[in-house]
Amino acid sequence: MNQGRIWTVVNPTVGLPLLLGSVATIAILVHFAVLENTSWFAKYWNGGTVAAAAPAAPAPAAPAAKK
């Protein structure tokens, strides 16, 4: 373990819950920020459908070369 001596300073029964709790808190905050700052995320979570874009019109055919 790269930083294994940290457990000589911080008891694992305190450090691990703090570490995992902070990771969970950050993940919740990131999801909340995305939910509040985008227009599509709430619709996605609620099962909204996105209208499909109409297919592009085909390109006009090039005129045939004369021989």
PDB file of N, CA and C in Angstrom:
ATOM      1  N   MET A   1       0.851  -1.169   0.000  1.00  0.00           N
ATOM      2  CA  MET A   1       0.000   0.000   0.000  1.00  0.00           C
ATOM      3  C   MET A   1       0.900   1.238   0.000  1.00  0.00           C
ATOM      4  N   ASN A   2       0.616   2.150  -0.874  1.00  0.00           N
ATOM      5  CA  ASN A   2       1.454   3.328  -1.051  1.00  0.00           C
ATOM      6  C   ASN A   2       1.478   4.223   0.188  1.00  0.00           C
ATOM      7  N   GLN A   3       0.337   4.467   0.776  1.00  0.00           N
ATOM      8  CA  GLN A   3       0.239   5.356   1.941  1.00  0.00           C
ATOM      9  C   GLN A   3      -0.226   4.570   3.174  1.00  0.00           C
ATOM     10  N   GLY A   4       0.331   3.403   3.379  1.00  0.00           N
ATOM     11  CA  GLY A   4      -0.111   2.522   4.458  1.00  0.00           C
ATOM     12  C   GLY A   4       0.141   3.052   5.850  1.00  0.00           C
ATOM     13  N   ARG A   5       1.143   3.930   6.016  1.00  0.00           N
ATOM     14  CA  ARG A   5       1.442   4.436   7.356  1.00  0.00           C
ATOM     15  C   ARG A   5       0.430   5.456   7.859  1.00  0.00           C
ATOM     16  N   ILE A   6      -0.525   5.878   7.003  1.00  0.00           N
ATOM     17  CA  ILE A   6      -1.547   6.821   7.457  1.00  0.00           C
ATOM     18  C   ILE A   6      -2.355   6.217   8.598  1.00  0.00           C
ATOM     19  N   TRP A   7      -2.482   4.879   8.610  1.00  0.00           N
ATOM     20  CA  TRP A   7      -3.298   4.230   9.636  1.00  0.00           C
ATOM     21  C   TRP A   7      -2.587   4.179  10.985  1.00  0.00           C
ATOM     22  N   THR A   8      -1.320   4.597  11.044  1.00  0.00           N
ATOM     23  CA  THR A   8      -0.674   4.749  12.350  1.00  0.00           C
ATOM     24  C   THR A   8      -1.055   6.081  12.979  1.00  0.00           C
ATOM     25  N   VAL A   9      -1.582   7.012  12.167  1.00  0.00           N
ATOM     26  CA  VAL A   9      -1.998   8.327  12.660  1.00  0.00           C
ATOM     27  C   VAL A   9      -3.510   8.380  12.830  1.00  0.00           C
ATOM     28  N   VAL A  10      -4.227   7.824  11.842  1.00  0.00           N
ATOM     29  CA  VAL A  10      -5.697   7.842  11.853  1.00  0.00           C
ATOM     30  C   VAL A  10      -6.186   6.414  11.996  1.00  0.00           C
ATOM     31  N   ASN A  11      -7.056   6.199  12.950  1.00  0.00           N
ATOM     32  CA  ASN A  11      -7.630   4.877  13.176  1.00  0.00           C
ATOM     33  C   ASN A  11      -8.514   4.505  11.982  1.00  0.00           C
ATOM     34  N   PRO A  12      -8.381   3.293  11.409  1.00  0.00           N
ATOM     35  CA  PRO A  12      -9.201   2.904  10.257  1.00  0.00           C
ATOM     36  C   PRO A  12     -10.703   2.951  10.522  1.00  0.00           C
ATOM     37  N   THR A  13     -11.119   2.759  11.769  1.00  0.00           N
ATOM     38  CA  THR A  13     -12.552   2.813  12.059  1.00  0.00           C
ATOM     39  C   THR A  13     -13.086   4.239  11.960  1.00  0.00           C
ATOM     40  N   VAL A  14     -12.202   5.224  11.945  1.00  0.00           N
ATOM     41  CA  VAL A  14     -12.598   6.616  11.758  1.00  0.00           C
ATOM     42  C   VAL A  14     -12.294   7.048  10.326  1.00  0.00           C
ATOM     43  N   GLY A  15     -11.134   6.692   9.819  1.00  0.00           N
ATOM     44  CA  GLY A  15     -10.682   7.154   8.516  1.00  0.00           C
ATOM     45  C   GLY A  15     -11.470   6.594   7.348  1.00  0.00           C
ATOM     46  N   LEU A  16     -11.772   5.310   7.373  1.00  0.00           N
ATOM     47  CA  LEU A  16     -12.498   4.714   6.259  1.00  0.00           C
ATOM     48  C   LEU A  16     -13.917   5.265   6.113  1.00  0.00           C
ATOM     49  N   PRO A  17     -14.693   5.378   7.177  1.00  0.00           N
ATOM     50  CA  PRO A  17     -16.015   5.992   7.013  1.00  0.00           C
ATOM     51  C   PRO A  17     -15.933   7.441   6.541  1.00  0.00           C
ATOM     52  N   LEU A  18     -14.932   8.196   7.001  1.00  0.00           N
ATOM     53  CA  LEU A  18     -14.772   9.569   6.526  1.00  0.00           C
ATOM     54  C   LEU A  18     -14.432   9.601   5.038  1.00  0.00           C
ATOM     55  N   LEU A  19     -13.539   8.722   4.613  1.00  0.00           N
ATOM     56  CA  LEU A  19     -13.159   8.659   3.203  1.00  0.00           C
ATOM     57  C   LEU A  19     -14.353   8.281   2.327  1.00  0.00           C
ATOM     58  N   LEU A  20     -15.036   7.206   2.690  1.00  0.00           N
ATOM     59  CA  LEU A  20     -16.170   6.750   1.885  1.00  0.00           C
ATOM     60  C   LEU A  20     -17.333   7.734   1.935  1.00  0.00           C
ATOM     61  N   GLY A  21     -17.534   8.347   3.081  1.00  0.00           N
ATOM     62  CA  GLY A  21     -18.590   9.356   3.201  1.00  0.00           C
ATOM     63  C   GLY A  21     -18.306  10.576   2.350  1.00  0.00           C
ATOM     64  N   SER A  22     -17.047  11.001   2.294  1.00  0.00           N
ATOM     65  CA  SER A  22     -16.713  12.162   1.476  1.00  0.00           C
ATOM     66  C   SER A  22     -16.848  11.841  -0.012  1.00  0.00           C
ATOM     67  N   VAL A  23     -16.495  10.641  -0.412  1.00  0.00           N
ATOM     68  CA  VAL A  23     -16.665  10.247  -1.817  1.00  0.00           C
ATOM     69  C   VAL A  23     -18.145  10.225  -2.185  1.00  0.00           C
ATOM     70  N   ALA A  24     -18.979   9.678  -1.317  1.00  0.00           N
ATOM     71  CA  ALA A  24     -20.420   9.639  -1.585  1.00  0.00           C
ATOM     72  C   ALA A  24     -21.003  11.045  -1.630  1.00  0.00           C
ATOM     73  N   THR A  25     -20.564  11.917  -0.747  1.00  0.00           N
ATOM     74  CA  THR A  25     -21.054  13.301  -0.727  1.00  0.00           C
ATOM     75  C   THR A  25     -20.677  14.032  -2.008  1.00  0.00           C
ATOM     76  N   ILE A  26     -19.450  13.856  -2.452  1.00  0.00           N
ATOM     77  CA  ILE A  26     -19.012  14.502  -3.691  1.00  0.00           C
ATOM     78  C   ILE A  26     -19.827  13.988  -4.870  1.00  0.00           C
ATOM     79  N   ALA A  27     -20.082  12.685  -4.921  1.00  0.00           N
ATOM     80  CA  ALA A  27     -20.863  12.120  -6.026  1.00  0.00           C
ATOM     81  C   ALA A  27     -22.280  12.686  -6.036  1.00  0.00           C
ATOM     82  N   ILE A  28     -22.893  12.820  -4.870  1.00  0.00           N
ATOM     83  CA  ILE A  28     -24.240  13.389  -4.793  1.00  0.00           C
ATOM     84  C   ILE A  28     -24.234  14.847  -5.229  1.00  0.00           C
ATOM     85  N   LEU A  29     -23.223  15.602  -4.804  1.00  0.00           N
ATOM     86  CA  LEU A  29     -23.130  17.006  -5.196  1.00  0.00           C
ATOM     87  C   LEU A  29     -22.934  17.168  -6.702  1.00  0.00           C
ATOM     88  N   VAL A  30     -22.150  16.306  -7.310  1.00  0.00           N
ATOM     89  CA  VAL A  30     -21.947  16.373  -8.756  1.00  0.00           C
ATOM     90  C   VAL A  30     -23.252  16.065  -9.485  1.00  0.00           C
ATOM     91  N   HIS A  31     -23.970  15.043  -9.048  1.00  0.00           N
ATOM     92  CA  HIS A  31     -25.243  14.725  -9.685  1.00  0.00           C
ATOM     93  C   HIS A  31     -26.243  15.866  -9.516  1.00  0.00           C
ATOM     94  N   PHE A  32     -26.285  16.464  -8.361  1.00  0.00           N
ATOM     95  CA  PHE A  32     -27.193  17.588  -8.132  1.00  0.00           C
ATOM     96  C   PHE A  32     -26.833  18.768  -9.027  1.00  0.00           C
ATOM     97  N   ALA A  33     -25.535  19.051  -9.170  1.00  0.00           N
ATOM     98  CA  ALA A  33     -25.104  20.164 -10.021  1.00  0.00           C
ATOM     99  C   ALA A  33     -25.479  19.917 -11.477  1.00  0.00           C
ATOM    100  N   VAL A  34     -25.306  18.686 -11.954  1.00  0.00           N
ATOM    101  CA  VAL A  34     -25.686  18.371 -13.329  1.00  0.00           C
ATOM    102  C   VAL A  34     -27.200  18.488 -13.489  1.00  0.00           C
ATOM    103  N   LEU A  35     -27.950  18.018 -12.522  1.00  0.00           N
ATOM    104  CA  LEU A  35     -29.406  18.083 -12.578  1.00  0.00           C
ATOM    105  C   LEU A  35     -29.900  19.522 -12.614  1.00  0.00           C
ATOM    106  N   GLU A  36     -29.281  20.400 -11.860  1.00  0.00           N
ATOM    107  CA  GLU A  36     -29.716  21.788 -11.776  1.00  0.00           C
ATOM    108  C   GLU A  36     -29.247  22.635 -12.956  1.00  0.00           C
ATOM    109  N   ASN A  37     -28.169  22.259 -13.612  1.00  0.00           N
ATOM    110  CA  ASN A  37     -27.577  23.120 -14.631  1.00  0.00           C
ATOM    111  C   ASN A  37     -27.753  22.625 -16.055  1.00  0.00           C
ATOM    112  N   THR A  38     -28.549  21.597 -16.262  1.00  0.00           N
ATOM    113  CA  THR A  38     -28.836  21.135 -17.614  1.00  0.00           C
ATOM    114  C   THR A  38     -30.337  21.017 -17.787  1.00  0.00           C
ATOM    115  N   SER A  39     -30.775  21.113 -19.021  1.00  0.00           N
ATOM    116  CA  SER A  39     -32.213  20.998 -19.281  1.00  0.00           C
ATOM    117  C   SER A  39     -32.620  19.562 -19.620  1.00  0.00           C
ATOM    118  N   TRP A  40     -31.667  18.740 -20.041  1.00  0.00           N
ATOM    119  CA  TRP A  40     -32.013  17.400 -20.496  1.00  0.00           C
ATOM    120  C   TRP A  40     -31.944  16.352 -19.394  1.00  0.00           C
ATOM    121  N   PHE A  41     -31.205  16.605 -18.312  1.00  0.00           N
ATOM    122  CA  PHE A  41     -30.963  15.558 -17.324  1.00  0.00           C
ATOM    123  C   PHE A  41     -32.225  15.192 -16.556  1.00  0.00           C
ATOM    124  N   ALA A  42     -33.017  16.186 -16.197  1.00  0.00           N
ATOM    125  CA  ALA A  42     -34.272  15.901 -15.479  1.00  0.00           C
ATOM    126  C   ALA A  42     -35.223  15.100 -16.353  1.00  0.00           C
ATOM    127  N   LYS A  43     -35.293  15.434 -17.637  1.00  0.00           N
ATOM    128  CA  LYS A  43     -36.141  14.670 -18.550  1.00  0.00           C
ATOM    129  C   LYS A  43     -35.637  13.242 -18.681  1.00  0.00           C
ATOM    130  N   TYR A  44     -34.321  13.072 -18.696  1.00  0.00           N
ATOM    131  CA  TYR A  44     -33.731  11.732 -18.777  1.00  0.00           C
ATOM    132  C   TYR A  44     -34.107  10.904 -17.550  1.00  0.00           C
ATOM    133  N   TRP A  45     -33.990  11.495 -16.375  1.00  0.00           N
ATOM    134  CA  TRP A  45     -34.328  10.773 -15.151  1.00  0.00           C
ATOM    135  C   TRP A  45     -35.815  10.453 -15.080  1.00  0.00           C
ATOM    136  N   ASN A  46     -36.658  11.299 -15.641  1.00  0.00           N
ATOM    137  CA  ASN A  46     -38.094  11.077 -15.610  1.00  0.00           C
ATOM    138  C   ASN A  46     -38.573  10.213 -16.762  1.00  0.00           C
ATOM    139  N   GLY A  47     -37.681   9.766 -17.610  1.00  0.00           N
ATOM    140  CA  GLY A  47     -38.048   8.881 -18.700  1.00  0.00           C
ATOM    141  C   GLY A  47     -38.561   9.610 -19.921  1.00  0.00           C
ATOM    142  N   GLY A  48     -38.272  10.893 -20.040  1.00  0.00           N
ATOM    143  CA  GLY A  48     -38.707  11.655 -21.205  1.00  0.00           C
ATOM    144  C   GLY A  48     -37.993  11.182 -22.455  1.00  0.00           C
ATOM    145  N   THR A  49     -38.698  11.288 -23.570  1.00  0.00           N
ATOM    146  CA  THR A  49     -38.086  10.897 -24.828  1.00  0.00           C
ATOM    147  C   THR A  49     -37.630  12.143 -25.565  1.00  0.00           C
ATOM    148  N   VAL A  50     -36.609  11.977 -26.330  1.00  0.00           N
ATOM    149  CA  VAL A  50     -36.084  13.069 -27.138  1.00  0.00           C
ATOM    150  C   VAL A  50     -36.572  12.850 -28.561  1.00  0.00           C
ATOM    151  N   ALA A  51     -37.107  13.908 -29.167  1.00  0.00           N
ATOM    152  CA  ALA A  51     -37.582  13.792 -30.542  1.00  0.00           C
ATOM    153  C   ALA A  51     -36.396  13.539 -31.460  1.00  0.00           C
ATOM    154  N   ALA A  52     -36.540  12.557 -32.309  1.00  0.00           N
ATOM    155  CA  ALA A  52     -35.469  12.229 -33.241  1.00  0.00           C
ATOM    156  C   ALA A  52     -35.399  13.296 -34.324  1.00  0.00           C
ATOM    157  N   ALA A  53     -34.208  13.637 -34.705  1.00  0.00           N
ATOM    158  CA  ALA A  53     -34.023  14.624 -35.758  1.00  0.00           C
ATOM    159  C   ALA A  53     -34.442  14.020 -37.098  1.00  0.00           C
ATOM    160  N   ALA A  54     -35.030  14.850 -37.931  1.00  0.00           N
ATOM    161  CA  ALA A  54     -35.448  14.383 -39.256  1.00  0.00           C
ATOM    162  C   ALA A  54     -34.207  14.042 -40.071  1.00  0.00           C
ATOM    163  N   PRO A  55     -34.271  12.993 -40.861  1.00  0.00           N
ATOM    164  CA  PRO A  55     -33.099  12.641 -41.667  1.00  0.00           C
ATOM    165  C   PRO A  55     -32.806  13.754 -42.675  1.00  0.00           C
ATOM    166  N   ALA A  56     -31.554  13.929 -42.942  1.00  0.00           N
ATOM    167  CA  ALA A  56     -31.132  14.965 -43.879  1.00  0.00           C
ATOM    168  C   ALA A  56     -31.589  14.612 -45.293  1.00  0.00           C
ATOM    169  N   ALA A  57     -31.904  15.638 -46.070  1.00  0.00           N
ATOM    170  CA  ALA A  57     -32.302  15.413 -47.458  1.00  0.00           C
ATOM    171  C   ALA A  57     -31.107  14.900 -48.242  1.00  0.00           C
ATOM    172  N   PRO A  58     -31.330  14.006 -49.181  1.00  0.00           N
ATOM    173  CA  PRO A  58     -30.201  13.494 -49.968  1.00  0.00           C
ATOM    174  C   PRO A  58     -29.603  14.612 -50.807  1.00  0.00           C
ATOM    175  N   ALA A  59     -28.317  14.505 -51.043  1.00  0.00           N
ATOM    176  CA  ALA A  59     -27.619  15.505 -51.847  1.00  0.00           C
ATOM    177  C   ALA A  59     -28.070  15.389 -53.298  1.00  0.00           C
ATOM    178  N   PRO A  60     -28.147  16.507 -54.006  1.00  0.00           N
ATOM    179  CA  PRO A  60     -28.550  16.422 -55.420  1.00  0.00           C
ATOM    180  C   PRO A  60     -27.516  15.648 -56.226  1.00  0.00           C
ATOM    181  N   ALA A  61     -28.016  14.921 -57.209  1.00  0.00           N
ATOM    182  CA  ALA A  61     -27.127  14.112 -58.039  1.00  0.00           C
ATOM    183  C   ALA A  61     -26.280  15.016 -58.932  1.00  0.00           C
ATOM    184  N   ALA A  62     -25.045  14.656 -59.102  1.00  0.00           N
ATOM    185  CA  ALA A  62     -24.146  15.431 -59.975  1.00  0.00           C
ATOM    186  C   ALA A  62     -24.515  15.157 -61.430  1.00  0.00           C
ATOM    187  N   PRO A  63     -24.432  16.181 -62.275  1.00  0.00           N
ATOM    188  CA  PRO A  63     -24.774  15.952 -63.689  1.00  0.00           C
ATOM    189  C   PRO A  63     -23.783  14.978 -64.333  1.00  0.00           C
ATOM    190  N   ALA A  64     -24.306  14.197 -65.257  1.00  0.00           N
ATOM    191  CA  ALA A  64     -23.478  13.194 -65.936  1.00  0.00           C
ATOM    192  C   ALA A  64     -22.489  13.900 -66.858  1.00  0.00           C
ATOM    193  N   ALA A  65     -21.281  13.388 -66.920  1.00  0.00           N
ATOM    194  CA  ALA A  65     -20.255  13.962 -67.793  1.00  0.00           C
ATOM    195  C   ALA A  65     -20.544  13.580 -69.235  1.00  0.00           C
ATOM    196  N   LYS A  66     -20.355  14.519 -70.137  1.00  0.00           N
ATOM    197  CA  LYS A  66     -20.574  14.257 -71.574  1.00  0.00           C
ATOM    198  C   LYS A  66     -19.312  13.673 -72.183  1.00  0.00           C
ATOM    199  N   LYS A  67     -19.496  12.760 -73.123  1.00  0.00           N
ATOM    200  CA  LYS A  67     -18.360  12.138 -73.810  1.00  0.00           C
ATOM    201  C   LYS A  67     -18.131  12.768 -75.152  1.00  0.00           C
TER     202      LYS A  67
END
